[in-house]
Every structure is written in structure tokens, then in C-alpha cells.
Amino acid sequence: MAAEEPEGELERYRTSIVFLRSRPGRAALPQATSPARVRQKQAPRLLGSALRTDTCPVSWRSFLFAPRNSIKEKARLRLREFDVRDRFSHLPLARASVLLPLMVRAGKLHLLLTVRSMQLRRSPGEVCFPGGKSDAADKDEIDTALREAKEEVGLQPEKVEVICRLVPGIDKMNYLVTPVVGFIEDTFQPSPNPDEVSNVFVMPLEYFIKPLNYQTVHYKTSSGYHGRMHSFTYDDPEHEMSFRIWGLTAHFAVFLALVIFRRRPTFEVDYDLDNLTSSSENYFMNLYASVYERKKSNI
């Protein structure tokens, strides 16, 4: 039986989101509290070089020709604008996290993904990011993502430069899944745990806004919520195999690409691209409302 939630929880959360959006300085902090100073105080978990105070927009095309370190720095700046930290952690859902491992390869941003072992009961053979359920010993969503990545592909936590947490999603088991974004070196050699992972591959991040093989699946939940599901097929030249990326994994990858490249994709998305922050939070709130209403009806 689903745990009973306090009445008014959803309305209280909606009010908190409106308040957060209306805070002065959310989009552009004043000089007295520069982004670097605020993030040093509020997010000590963020690693890597010091944050630049120059936040002028940069064309997505500059990623194609920028030096390696410049590509990383521009991505860091954009991602930190969308860092939700622990804003959604209080929601009364079981929690899970995934790591979105970014790397620079051949002058372009790439993502590392895994294929779930066929031995697993849940979603065998499907493409996903390293991740899993939260343990009691995990301090936060970041700890969960790093621990799971180590267990699944042998990625040591100290080898990950954690950048941010993005707006979460809710999977088909009603887990609140938080995407944690971090940089890893392109020299990383995965050691897949055969009990959990059957394959590991890397693909260009740009594929998630300019795919060669893409489909959209529209769906409706039992509570009446309408949405669209992205489905990509990627032909990997390294493995000489085709991989299908869809569902929540594709959802996170698309949002990551939108945040970094700030470029309209060749397909439709559920966001207002001119107001990506607020529209992504609205999208999540609608999804959470759907889950909330369904849980209430099951009590």
C-alpha cells in the first residue's frame, strides 16, 4: 500500500517553486554575491577549476572549434545555471540517482552509457546511465550516483568532476531519479560488472539534438497526463553495433544537450526553449502531480 501523504503537499510544493522562481537575482546574481562566491558557500561538492565570472552567452558552434579546456569550461558554466542542488529531495518518493558522465573526445562532448545485463529482472538489455537506488549510507544523490558508477563500471569517485544535479525525473516504478552530471577523462577504461552491465559505449552529446535515427512515442498515464517519449537509435562505429536510447535515459540526455548547446533540436520537445529553466520545472511538476494523484487514488 502506498504511504499516505499529507494533504496540501502538492500545493505547498507548487508554492515553493513559484517563490524560488520569483526570487530577485535568481537569473543573474548581483555583483555583491557573484556566482563564484555563492557556489563556493552553497555547493562545496562542486569540483574542478575556479568558476569564471564571465557568463556571457556563447554560441553552440564555438563548441566545435574551441580548445579542450574551453569546451569543458563553457559546459560547466551552462550546467551550473541549472543546478537544482537538493531542491527536490524532500518529495515523498523513493529515491534513485544516475550519473551522466561527460567527456571530451576528438574535440566534442561525449556521453558514456551502459547496457543492462540480460540477467537482470528489470529492463534487461536496455541502455541506461550508471546509477541505481539510494542506500541509507548515501549522504545525497551525488553519493548514490558515484557509488553506483563504481559498482557498475569501475569508475572511481575521485575520477569524477561533479558539476551539478539537474531537474529529476520519475521512472515507471515511481522512483524520484536525480541526474548527476560530471566530467570524466576520455582515457577512462570501464570494467563492467557482468552481473549488472553487458556493455559500455560512448556517443556524441550532439546526437541528442541532431540525431540520424529518431522516433517519438506519445503516451498518456492512467491519471490523464500526456507526454512524449524520445527514442534514438545510434550506430556505434567502435562496437559496430546499434544501440537504442529511449525513455528516461533519453529524456535526461536530451535535456543535458539542450542545456549545454542552447540550440533547437531537429525534433519537438516538451519545453519552452526560450524559458528552459521554468518550463523544465513545470514539466516535472506536472509529472509529479500525476504520480501524486495516482498514489492518492490507491490509498
C-alpha atoms as a PDB file:
ATOM      1  CA  MET A   1       0.000   0.000   0.000  1.00  0.00           C
ATOM      2  CA  ALA A   2       1.272   3.436  -0.863  1.00  0.00           C
ATOM      3  CA  ALA A   3       2.315   5.603   2.064  1.00  0.00           C
ATOM      4  CA  GLU A   4      -0.177   8.328   2.903  1.00  0.00           C
ATOM      5  CA  GLU A   5       0.933  11.857   2.055  1.00  0.00           C
ATOM      6  CA  PRO A   6      -0.101  14.960   3.975  1.00  0.00           C
ATOM      7  CA  GLU A   7      -2.926  16.926   2.362  1.00  0.00           C
ATOM      8  CA  GLY A   8      -1.710  20.057   0.647  1.00  0.00           C
ATOM      9  CA  GLU A   9       1.783  18.671  -0.038  1.00  0.00           C
ATOM     10  CA  LEU A  10       1.459  19.246  -3.763  1.00  0.00           C
ATOM     11  CA  GLU A  11       0.110  22.785  -3.330  1.00  0.00           C
ATOM     12  CA  ARG A  12       2.858  23.590  -0.821  1.00  0.00           C
ATOM     13  CA  TYR A  13       5.463  22.386  -3.277  1.00  0.00           C
ATOM     14  CA  ARG A  14       3.958  24.406  -6.124  1.00  0.00           C
ATOM     15  CA  THR A  15       4.090  27.489  -3.893  1.00  0.00           C
ATOM     16  CA  SER A  16       7.757  26.854  -3.096  1.00  0.00           C
ATOM     17  CA  ILE A  17       8.620  26.583  -6.795  1.00  0.00           C
ATOM     18  CA  VAL A  18       6.837  29.881  -7.532  1.00  0.00           C
ATOM     19  CA  PHE A  19       8.731  31.505  -4.671  1.00  0.00           C
ATOM     20  CA  LEU A  20      12.078  30.191  -5.910  1.00  0.00           C
ATOM     21  CA  ARG A  21      11.406  31.459  -9.416  1.00  0.00           C
ATOM     22  CA  SER A  22      10.385  34.894  -8.159  1.00  0.00           C
ATOM     23  CA  ARG A  23      13.459  35.465  -6.005  1.00  0.00           C
ATOM     24  CA  PRO A  24      15.409  38.511  -7.151  1.00  0.00           C
ATOM     25  CA  GLY A  25      18.752  37.615  -8.631  1.00  0.00           C
ATOM     26  CA  ARG A  26      17.925  34.009  -9.493  1.00  0.00           C
ATOM     27  CA  ALA A  27      18.703  34.504 -13.154  1.00  0.00           C
ATOM     28  CA  ALA A  28      21.535  36.976 -12.652  1.00  0.00           C
ATOM     29  CA  LEU A  29      23.073  37.416  -9.231  1.00  0.00           C
ATOM     30  CA  PRO A  30      24.107  40.951  -8.213  1.00  0.00           C
ATOM     31  CA  GLN A  31      27.732  41.967  -8.006  1.00  0.00           C
ATOM     32  CA  ALA A  32      27.813  41.667  -4.215  1.00  0.00           C
ATOM     33  CA  THR A  33      27.023  37.946  -4.468  1.00  0.00           C
ATOM     34  CA  SER A  34      28.813  36.734  -7.555  1.00  0.00           C
ATOM     35  CA  PRO A  35      28.124  33.187  -8.853  1.00  0.00           C
ATOM     36  CA  ALA A  36      31.566  32.067  -7.713  1.00  0.00           C
ATOM     37  CA  ARG A  37      31.061  33.244  -4.117  1.00  0.00           C
ATOM     38  CA  VAL A  38      27.564  31.795  -3.847  1.00  0.00           C
ATOM     39  CA  ARG A  39      28.566  28.410  -5.229  1.00  0.00           C
ATOM     40  CA  GLN A  40      31.624  28.208  -3.005  1.00  0.00           C
ATOM     41  CA  LYS A  41      29.373  28.637   0.049  1.00  0.00           C
ATOM     42  CA  GLN A  42      26.386  26.544  -1.056  1.00  0.00           C
ATOM     43  CA  ALA A  43      27.956  23.811  -3.171  1.00  0.00           C
ATOM     44  CA  PRO A  44      31.324  22.688  -1.791  1.00  0.00           C
ATOM     45  CA  ARG A  45      30.837  19.364  -3.593  1.00  0.00           C
ATOM     46  CA  LEU A  46      31.492  21.026  -6.948  1.00  0.00           C
ATOM     47  CA  LEU A  47      34.995  20.206  -8.090  1.00  0.00           C
ATOM     48  CA  GLY A  48      37.445  21.448 -10.681  1.00  0.00           C
ATOM     49  CA  SER A  49      38.850  24.825 -11.637  1.00  0.00           C
ATOM     50  CA  ALA A  50      37.526  28.088 -10.215  1.00  0.00           C
ATOM     51  CA  LEU A  51      34.285  29.333 -11.714  1.00  0.00           C
ATOM     52  CA  ARG A  52      34.631  32.195 -14.162  1.00  0.00           C
ATOM     53  CA  THR A  53      32.516  35.272 -13.527  1.00  0.00           C
ATOM     54  CA  ASP A  54      32.127  35.903 -17.234  1.00  0.00           C
ATOM     55  CA  THR A  55      28.700  34.427 -18.054  1.00  0.00           C
ATOM     56  CA  CYS A  56      28.147  35.964 -21.483  1.00  0.00           C
ATOM     57  CA  PRO A  57      26.220  33.582 -23.768  1.00  0.00           C
ATOM     58  CA  VAL A  58      28.399  31.569 -26.119  1.00  0.00           C
ATOM     59  CA  SER A  59      27.253  30.230 -29.482  1.00  0.00           C
ATOM     60  CA  TRP A  60      26.843  26.437 -29.680  1.00  0.00           C
ATOM     61  CA  ARG A  61      29.102  26.489 -32.747  1.00  0.00           C
ATOM     62  CA  SER A  62      32.021  27.532 -30.576  1.00  0.00           C
ATOM     63  CA  PHE A  63      31.956  24.038 -29.050  1.00  0.00           C
ATOM     64  CA  LEU A  64      33.000  22.590 -32.385  1.00  0.00           C
ATOM     65  CA  PHE A  65      36.192  24.627 -32.609  1.00  0.00           C
ATOM     66  CA  ALA A  66      37.075  25.522 -29.026  1.00  0.00           C
ATOM     67  CA  PRO A  67      40.142  24.053 -27.277  1.00  0.00           C
ATOM     68  CA  ARG A  68      39.566  21.074 -24.977  1.00  0.00           C
ATOM     69  CA  ASN A  69      39.648  23.033 -21.698  1.00  0.00           C
ATOM     70  CA  SER A  70      37.483  25.775 -23.175  1.00  0.00           C
ATOM     71  CA  ILE A  71      34.813  23.242 -24.142  1.00  0.00           C
ATOM     72  CA  LYS A  72      34.703  21.950 -20.570  1.00  0.00           C
ATOM     73  CA  GLU A  73      34.606  25.413 -19.044  1.00  0.00           C
ATOM     74  CA  LYS A  74      31.731  26.574 -21.230  1.00  0.00           C
ATOM     75  CA  ALA A  75      29.794  23.419 -20.397  1.00  0.00           C
ATOM     76  CA  ARG A  76      30.472  23.894 -16.675  1.00  0.00           C
ATOM     77  CA  LEU A  77      29.148  27.449 -16.740  1.00  0.00           C
ATOM     78  CA  ARG A  78      25.958  26.484 -18.502  1.00  0.00           C
ATOM     79  CA  LEU A  79      25.316  23.433 -16.346  1.00  0.00           C
ATOM     80  CA  ARG A  80      25.768  25.349 -13.109  1.00  0.00           C
ATOM     81  CA  GLU A  81      22.981  27.707 -14.144  1.00  0.00           C
ATOM     82  CA  PHE A  82      20.635  24.691 -13.990  1.00  0.00           C
ATOM     83  CA  ASP A  83      21.945  23.141 -10.757  1.00  0.00           C
ATOM     84  CA  VAL A  84      18.908  22.279  -8.608  1.00  0.00           C
ATOM     85  CA  ARG A  85      21.047  21.086  -5.658  1.00  0.00           C
ATOM     86  CA  ASP A  86      18.667  19.446  -3.142  1.00  0.00           C
ATOM     87  CA  ARG A  87      15.569  21.446  -4.098  1.00  0.00           C
ATOM     88  CA  PHE A  88      13.507  18.333  -4.887  1.00  0.00           C
ATOM     89  CA  SER A  89      14.990  15.990  -2.281  1.00  0.00           C
ATOM     90  CA  HIS A  90      12.129  16.479   0.189  1.00  0.00           C
ATOM     91  CA  LEU A  91       9.479  14.937  -2.079  1.00  0.00           C
ATOM     92  CA  PRO A  92       7.924  11.794  -0.554  1.00  0.00           C
ATOM     93  CA  LEU A  93       9.107   9.344  -3.216  1.00  0.00           C
ATOM     94  CA  ALA A  94      11.686   6.579  -3.108  1.00  0.00           C
ATOM     95  CA  ARG A  95      14.960   7.952  -4.463  1.00  0.00           C
ATOM     96  CA  ALA A  96      17.481   6.900  -7.071  1.00  0.00           C
ATOM     97  CA  SER A  97      20.283   8.637  -8.966  1.00  0.00           C
ATOM     98  CA  VAL A  98      22.121   8.255 -12.240  1.00  0.00           C
ATOM     99  CA  LEU A  99      25.484   9.630 -13.315  1.00  0.00           C
ATOM    100  CA  LEU A 100      25.684  11.395 -16.677  1.00  0.00           C
ATOM    101  CA  PRO A 101      29.422  11.021 -17.425  1.00  0.00           C
ATOM    102  CA  LEU A 102      30.627  13.669 -19.887  1.00  0.00           C
ATOM    103  CA  MET A 103      33.984  13.573 -21.629  1.00  0.00           C
ATOM    104  CA  VAL A 104      35.749  15.463 -24.402  1.00  0.00           C
ATOM    105  CA  ARG A 105      36.742  13.202 -27.270  1.00  0.00           C
ATOM    106  CA  ALA A 106      38.007  14.357 -30.688  1.00  0.00           C
ATOM    107  CA  GLY A 107      37.158  17.933 -29.726  1.00  0.00           C
ATOM    108  CA  LYS A 108      33.494  17.204 -28.953  1.00  0.00           C
ATOM    109  CA  LEU A 109      31.434  16.397 -25.867  1.00  0.00           C
ATOM    110  CA  HIS A 110      30.503  12.740 -25.492  1.00  0.00           C
ATOM    111  CA  LEU A 111      28.372  10.733 -23.052  1.00  0.00           C
ATOM    112  CA  LEU A 112      29.148   7.349 -21.557  1.00  0.00           C
ATOM    113  CA  LEU A 113      26.224   4.924 -21.361  1.00  0.00           C
ATOM    114  CA  THR A 114      25.773   1.303 -20.346  1.00  0.00           C
ATOM    115  CA  VAL A 115      23.667  -1.658 -21.431  1.00  0.00           C
ATOM    116  CA  ARG A 116      21.918  -3.524 -18.635  1.00  0.00           C
ATOM    117  CA  SER A 117      22.740  -7.187 -18.198  1.00  0.00           C
ATOM    118  CA  MET A 118      20.246  -9.689 -19.596  1.00  0.00           C
ATOM    119  CA  GLN A 119      20.362 -11.392 -16.194  1.00  0.00           C
ATOM    120  CA  LEU A 120      18.543  -8.502 -14.528  1.00  0.00           C
ATOM    121  CA  ARG A 121      14.826  -8.835 -13.860  1.00  0.00           C
ATOM    122  CA  ARG A 122      14.071  -5.195 -14.530  1.00  0.00           C
ATOM    123  CA  SER A 123      14.684  -3.731 -18.021  1.00  0.00           C
ATOM    124  CA  PRO A 124      17.279  -6.298 -19.172  1.00  0.00           C
ATOM    125  CA  GLY A 125      19.266  -5.288 -22.229  1.00  0.00           C
ATOM    126  CA  GLU A 126      18.190  -1.651 -22.122  1.00  0.00           C
ATOM    127  CA  VAL A 127      20.551   1.313 -22.435  1.00  0.00           C
ATOM    128  CA  CYS A 128      20.893   3.444 -19.326  1.00  0.00           C
ATOM    129  CA  PHE A 129      23.267   5.624 -17.354  1.00  0.00           C
ATOM    130  CA  PRO A 130      25.219   4.183 -14.419  1.00  0.00           C
ATOM    131  CA  GLY A 131      23.007   4.500 -11.360  1.00  0.00           C
ATOM    132  CA  GLY A 132      20.522   2.926  -9.013  1.00  0.00           C
ATOM    133  CA  LYS A 133      18.569   3.175  -5.788  1.00  0.00           C
ATOM    134  CA  SER A 134      19.684   5.258  -2.837  1.00  0.00           C
ATOM    135  CA  ASP A 135      21.236   3.451   0.127  1.00  0.00           C
ATOM    136  CA  ALA A 136      20.882   4.507   3.744  1.00  0.00           C
ATOM    137  CA  ALA A 137      24.626   5.240   3.857  1.00  0.00           C
ATOM    138  CA  ASP A 138      24.443   7.699   0.938  1.00  0.00           C
ATOM    139  CA  LYS A 139      24.663  11.324   2.042  1.00  0.00           C
ATOM    140  CA  ASP A 140      22.807  12.624  -1.010  1.00  0.00           C
ATOM    141  CA  GLU A 141      22.009  11.980  -4.662  1.00  0.00           C
ATOM    142  CA  ILE A 142      25.624  12.603  -5.649  1.00  0.00           C
ATOM    143  CA  ASP A 143      26.876   9.856  -3.330  1.00  0.00           C
ATOM    144  CA  THR A 144      24.340   7.442  -4.796  1.00  0.00           C
ATOM    145  CA  ALA A 145      25.350   8.159  -8.395  1.00  0.00           C
ATOM    146  CA  LEU A 146      29.086   7.877  -7.679  1.00  0.00           C
ATOM    147  CA  ARG A 147      28.709   4.668  -5.669  1.00  0.00           C
ATOM    148  CA  GLU A 148      26.615   3.031  -8.363  1.00  0.00           C
ATOM    149  CA  ALA A 149      29.038   4.083 -11.125  1.00  0.00           C
ATOM    150  CA  LYS A 150      31.886   2.485  -9.212  1.00  0.00           C
ATOM    151  CA  GLU A 151      29.928  -0.726  -8.688  1.00  0.00           C
ATOM    152  CA  GLU A 152      28.722  -0.969 -12.290  1.00  0.00           C
ATOM    153  CA  VAL A 153      31.662   0.152 -14.443  1.00  0.00           C
ATOM    154  CA  GLY A 154      34.602   0.558 -12.036  1.00  0.00           C
ATOM    155  CA  LEU A 155      34.612   4.373 -12.178  1.00  0.00           C
ATOM    156  CA  GLN A 156      36.348   5.642  -9.043  1.00  0.00           C
ATOM    157  CA  PRO A 157      34.518   8.578  -7.390  1.00  0.00           C
ATOM    158  CA  GLU A 158      37.683  10.683  -7.228  1.00  0.00           C
ATOM    159  CA  LYS A 159      37.958  10.425 -11.017  1.00  0.00           C
ATOM    160  CA  VAL A 160      34.661  12.282 -11.487  1.00  0.00           C
ATOM    161  CA  GLU A 161      34.436  16.070 -11.515  1.00  0.00           C
ATOM    162  CA  VAL A 162      30.888  16.560 -10.272  1.00  0.00           C
ATOM    163  CA  ILE A 163      29.279  19.630 -11.836  1.00  0.00           C
ATOM    164  CA  CYS A 164      25.594  19.700 -10.893  1.00  0.00           C
ATOM    165  CA  ARG A 165      22.284  17.988 -10.315  1.00  0.00           C
ATOM    166  CA  LEU A 166      19.607  18.608 -12.928  1.00  0.00           C
ATOM    167  CA  VAL A 167      15.809  18.521 -12.639  1.00  0.00           C
ATOM    168  CA  PRO A 168      14.855  14.967 -11.677  1.00  0.00           C
ATOM    169  CA  GLY A 169      12.518  12.571 -13.410  1.00  0.00           C
ATOM    170  CA  ILE A 170      10.150   9.867 -12.198  1.00  0.00           C
ATOM    171  CA  ASP A 171      10.562   6.356 -13.536  1.00  0.00           C
ATOM    172  CA  LYS A 172       7.871   3.721 -14.131  1.00  0.00           C
ATOM    173  CA  MET A 173       8.337   2.416 -10.592  1.00  0.00           C
ATOM    174  CA  ASN A 174       7.648   5.928  -9.212  1.00  0.00           C
ATOM    175  CA  TYR A 175      11.236   6.476  -8.097  1.00  0.00           C
ATOM    176  CA  LEU A 176      12.451  10.070  -7.986  1.00  0.00           C
ATOM    177  CA  VAL A 177      15.542   9.805 -10.208  1.00  0.00           C
ATOM    178  CA  THR A 178      18.117  12.592  -9.977  1.00  0.00           C
ATOM    179  CA  PRO A 179      20.597  13.057 -12.839  1.00  0.00           C
ATOM    180  CA  VAL A 180      24.082  13.985 -11.596  1.00  0.00           C
ATOM    181  CA  VAL A 181      26.374  15.446 -14.257  1.00  0.00           C
ATOM    182  CA  GLY A 182      30.137  15.041 -14.062  1.00  0.00           C
ATOM    183  CA  PHE A 183      33.219  15.122 -16.251  1.00  0.00           C
ATOM    184  CA  ILE A 184      35.487  12.106 -16.622  1.00  0.00           C
ATOM    185  CA  GLU A 185      38.665  11.654 -18.656  1.00  0.00           C
ATOM    186  CA  ASP A 186      38.323  10.203 -22.136  1.00  0.00           C
ATOM    187  CA  THR A 187      41.071   7.743 -21.198  1.00  0.00           C
ATOM    188  CA  PHE A 188      38.771   6.010 -18.708  1.00  0.00           C
ATOM    189  CA  GLN A 189      38.686   2.250 -19.291  1.00  0.00           C
ATOM    190  CA  PRO A 190      35.446   0.770 -17.907  1.00  0.00           C
ATOM    191  CA  SER A 191      35.413  -2.519 -16.023  1.00  0.00           C
ATOM    192  CA  PRO A 192      31.781  -3.613 -16.340  1.00  0.00           C
ATOM    193  CA  ASN A 193      30.274  -5.717 -13.582  1.00  0.00           C
ATOM    194  CA  PRO A 194      28.832  -8.638 -15.603  1.00  0.00           C
ATOM    195  CA  ASP A 195      26.007  -9.096 -13.113  1.00  0.00           C
ATOM    196  CA  GLU A 196      24.704  -5.623 -13.937  1.00  0.00           C
ATOM    197  CA  VAL A 197      26.270  -4.399 -17.194  1.00  0.00           C
ATOM    198  CA  SER A 198      26.721  -6.214 -20.508  1.00  0.00           C
ATOM    199  CA  ASN A 199      28.260  -3.345 -22.497  1.00  0.00           C
ATOM    200  CA  VAL A 200      29.593   0.206 -22.234  1.00  0.00           C
ATOM    201  CA  PHE A 201      29.755   2.698 -25.079  1.00  0.00           C
ATOM    202  CA  VAL A 202      30.360   6.393 -25.732  1.00  0.00           C
ATOM    203  CA  MET A 203      28.400   8.617 -28.120  1.00  0.00           C
ATOM    204  CA  PRO A 204      28.395  12.312 -29.098  1.00  0.00           C
ATOM    205  CA  LEU A 205      26.173  14.500 -26.935  1.00  0.00           C
ATOM    206  CA  GLU A 206      25.152  16.462 -30.033  1.00  0.00           C
ATOM    207  CA  TYR A 207      23.335  13.352 -31.301  1.00  0.00           C
ATOM    208  CA  PHE A 208      20.589  14.139 -28.774  1.00  0.00           C
ATOM    209  CA  ILE A 209      19.644  17.344 -30.569  1.00  0.00           C
ATOM    210  CA  LYS A 210      20.611  16.316 -34.121  1.00  0.00           C
ATOM    211  CA  PRO A 211      20.008  12.569 -34.447  1.00  0.00           C
ATOM    212  CA  LEU A 212      20.229  10.476 -37.589  1.00  0.00           C
ATOM    213  CA  ASN A 213      17.595   7.981 -36.412  1.00  0.00           C
ATOM    214  CA  TYR A 214      14.826   9.259 -34.130  1.00  0.00           C
ATOM    215  CA  GLN A 215      11.239   8.435 -33.196  1.00  0.00           C
ATOM    216  CA  THR A 216       8.675   9.992 -30.857  1.00  0.00           C
ATOM    217  CA  VAL A 217       6.223   7.925 -28.834  1.00  0.00           C
ATOM    218  CA  HIS A 218       3.249   9.766 -27.321  1.00  0.00           C
ATOM    219  CA  TYR A 219       1.699   8.363 -24.162  1.00  0.00           C
ATOM    220  CA  LYS A 220      -0.994   9.057 -21.569  1.00  0.00           C
ATOM    221  CA  THR A 221      -0.866   8.000 -17.931  1.00  0.00           C
ATOM    222  CA  SER A 222      -3.783   6.495 -16.006  1.00  0.00           C
ATOM    223  CA  SER A 223      -4.339   9.886 -14.357  1.00  0.00           C
ATOM    224  CA  GLY A 224      -4.628  11.653 -17.703  1.00  0.00           C
ATOM    225  CA  TYR A 225      -1.144  13.145 -18.021  1.00  0.00           C
ATOM    226  CA  HIS A 226       0.047  13.452 -21.623  1.00  0.00           C
ATOM    227  CA  GLY A 227       3.709  13.237 -22.582  1.00  0.00           C
ATOM    228  CA  ARG A 228       6.117  12.242 -25.309  1.00  0.00           C
ATOM    229  CA  MET A 229       8.926   9.722 -25.155  1.00  0.00           C
ATOM    230  CA  HIS A 230      12.116  10.144 -27.169  1.00  0.00           C
ATOM    231  CA  SER A 231      13.695   7.158 -28.885  1.00  0.00           C
ATOM    232  CA  PHE A 232      17.109   7.295 -30.572  1.00  0.00           C
ATOM    233  CA  THR A 233      18.977   4.606 -32.479  1.00  0.00           C
ATOM    234  CA  TYR A 234      22.735   5.134 -32.539  1.00  0.00           C
ATOM    235  CA  ASP A 235      25.073   3.155 -34.790  1.00  0.00           C
ATOM    236  CA  ASP A 236      28.292   2.873 -32.819  1.00  0.00           C
ATOM    237  CA  PRO A 237      31.310   2.591 -35.160  1.00  0.00           C
ATOM    238  CA  GLU A 238      33.586   1.396 -32.345  1.00  0.00           C
ATOM    239  CA  HIS A 239      31.480  -1.624 -31.410  1.00  0.00           C
ATOM    240  CA  GLU A 240      29.866  -1.969 -34.855  1.00  0.00           C
ATOM    241  CA  MET A 241      26.529  -2.228 -33.093  1.00  0.00           C
ATOM    242  CA  SER A 242      23.292  -0.251 -32.909  1.00  0.00           C
ATOM    243  CA  PHE A 243      22.015   0.947 -29.552  1.00  0.00           C
ATOM    244  CA  ARG A 244      18.515   2.179 -28.750  1.00  0.00           C
ATOM    245  CA  ILE A 245      18.310   5.001 -26.197  1.00  0.00           C
ATOM    246  CA  TRP A 246      14.804   5.814 -25.029  1.00  0.00           C
ATOM    247  CA  GLY A 247      12.601   6.533 -22.024  1.00  0.00           C
ATOM    248  CA  LEU A 248      14.032   8.341 -19.015  1.00  0.00           C
ATOM    249  CA  THR A 249      17.608   7.849 -20.232  1.00  0.00           C
ATOM    250  CA  ALA A 250      16.811   9.670 -23.481  1.00  0.00           C
ATOM    251  CA  HIS A 251      14.880  12.313 -21.535  1.00  0.00           C
ATOM    252  CA  PHE A 252      17.924  13.151 -19.401  1.00  0.00           C
ATOM    253  CA  ALA A 253      20.294  13.084 -22.381  1.00  0.00           C
ATOM    254  CA  VAL A 254      18.098  15.452 -24.411  1.00  0.00           C
ATOM    255  CA  PHE A 255      17.781  17.905 -21.542  1.00  0.00           C
ATOM    256  CA  LEU A 256      21.546  17.821 -20.961  1.00  0.00           C
ATOM    257  CA  ALA A 257      22.166  18.607 -24.640  1.00  0.00           C
ATOM    258  CA  LEU A 258      19.620  21.450 -24.597  1.00  0.00           C
ATOM    259  CA  VAL A 259      21.263  22.999 -21.540  1.00  0.00           C
ATOM    260  CA  ILE A 260      24.782  22.861 -22.946  1.00  0.00           C
ATOM    261  CA  PHE A 261      24.242  23.651 -26.628  1.00  0.00           C
ATOM    262  CA  ARG A 262      21.267  26.038 -26.308  1.00  0.00           C
ATOM    263  CA  ARG A 263      20.218  25.003 -29.779  1.00  0.00           C
ATOM    264  CA  ARG A 264      16.833  23.913 -31.076  1.00  0.00           C
ATOM    265  CA  PRO A 265      16.735  20.177 -31.767  1.00  0.00           C
ATOM    266  CA  THR A 266      15.516  18.703 -35.034  1.00  0.00           C
ATOM    267  CA  PHE A 267      12.501  17.228 -33.198  1.00  0.00           C
ATOM    268  CA  GLU A 268       9.833  18.543 -30.826  1.00  0.00           C
ATOM    269  CA  VAL A 269      10.371  18.679 -27.065  1.00  0.00           C
ATOM    270  CA  ASP A 270       8.111  19.367 -24.090  1.00  0.00           C
ATOM    271  CA  TYR A 271       9.917  22.571 -23.105  1.00  0.00           C
ATOM    272  CA  ASP A 272       9.756  26.234 -23.941  1.00  0.00           C
ATOM    273  CA  LEU A 273      13.317  26.597 -25.184  1.00  0.00           C
ATOM    274  CA  ASP A 274      13.253  30.338 -24.531  1.00  0.00           C
ATOM    275  CA  ASN A 275      12.477  29.634 -20.862  1.00  0.00           C
ATOM    276  CA  LEU A 276      14.164  26.299 -20.337  1.00  0.00           C
ATOM    277  CA  THR A 277      14.576  26.573 -16.565  1.00  0.00           C
ATOM    278  CA  SER A 278      10.953  27.338 -15.716  1.00  0.00           C
ATOM    279  CA  SER A 279       9.474  25.066 -18.381  1.00  0.00           C
ATOM    280  CA  SER A 280      11.573  22.085 -17.273  1.00  0.00           C
ATOM    281  CA  GLU A 281      10.408  22.592 -13.693  1.00  0.00           C
ATOM    282  CA  ASN A 282       6.794  22.888 -14.888  1.00  0.00           C
ATOM    283  CA  TYR A 283       7.198  19.672 -16.853  1.00  0.00           C
ATOM    284  CA  PHE A 284       8.451  17.899 -13.746  1.00  0.00           C
ATOM    285  CA  MET A 285       5.682  19.376 -11.573  1.00  0.00           C
ATOM    286  CA  ASN A 286       3.021  18.113 -13.964  1.00  0.00           C
ATOM    287  CA  LEU A 287       4.580  14.675 -13.878  1.00  0.00           C
ATOM    288  CA  TYR A 288       4.792  14.729 -10.089  1.00  0.00           C
ATOM    289  CA  ALA A 289       1.155  15.863  -9.878  1.00  0.00           C
ATOM    290  CA  SER A 290       0.188  12.871 -11.998  1.00  0.00           C
ATOM    291  CA  VAL A 291       2.041  10.486  -9.684  1.00  0.00           C
ATOM    292  CA  TYR A 292       0.648  12.226  -6.591  1.00  0.00           C
ATOM    293  CA  GLU A 293      -2.937  11.890  -7.770  1.00  0.00           C
ATOM    294  CA  ARG A 294      -2.403   8.246  -8.695  1.00  0.00           C
ATOM    295  CA  LYS A 295      -0.942   7.478  -5.266  1.00  0.00           C
ATOM    296  CA  LYS A 296      -3.889   9.189  -3.551  1.00  0.00           C
ATOM    297  CA  SER A 297      -6.360   7.124  -5.543  1.00  0.00           C
ATOM    298  CA  ASN A 298      -4.598   3.929  -4.401  1.00  0.00           C
ATOM    299  CA  ILE A 299      -4.802   4.738  -0.694  1.00  0.00           C
END
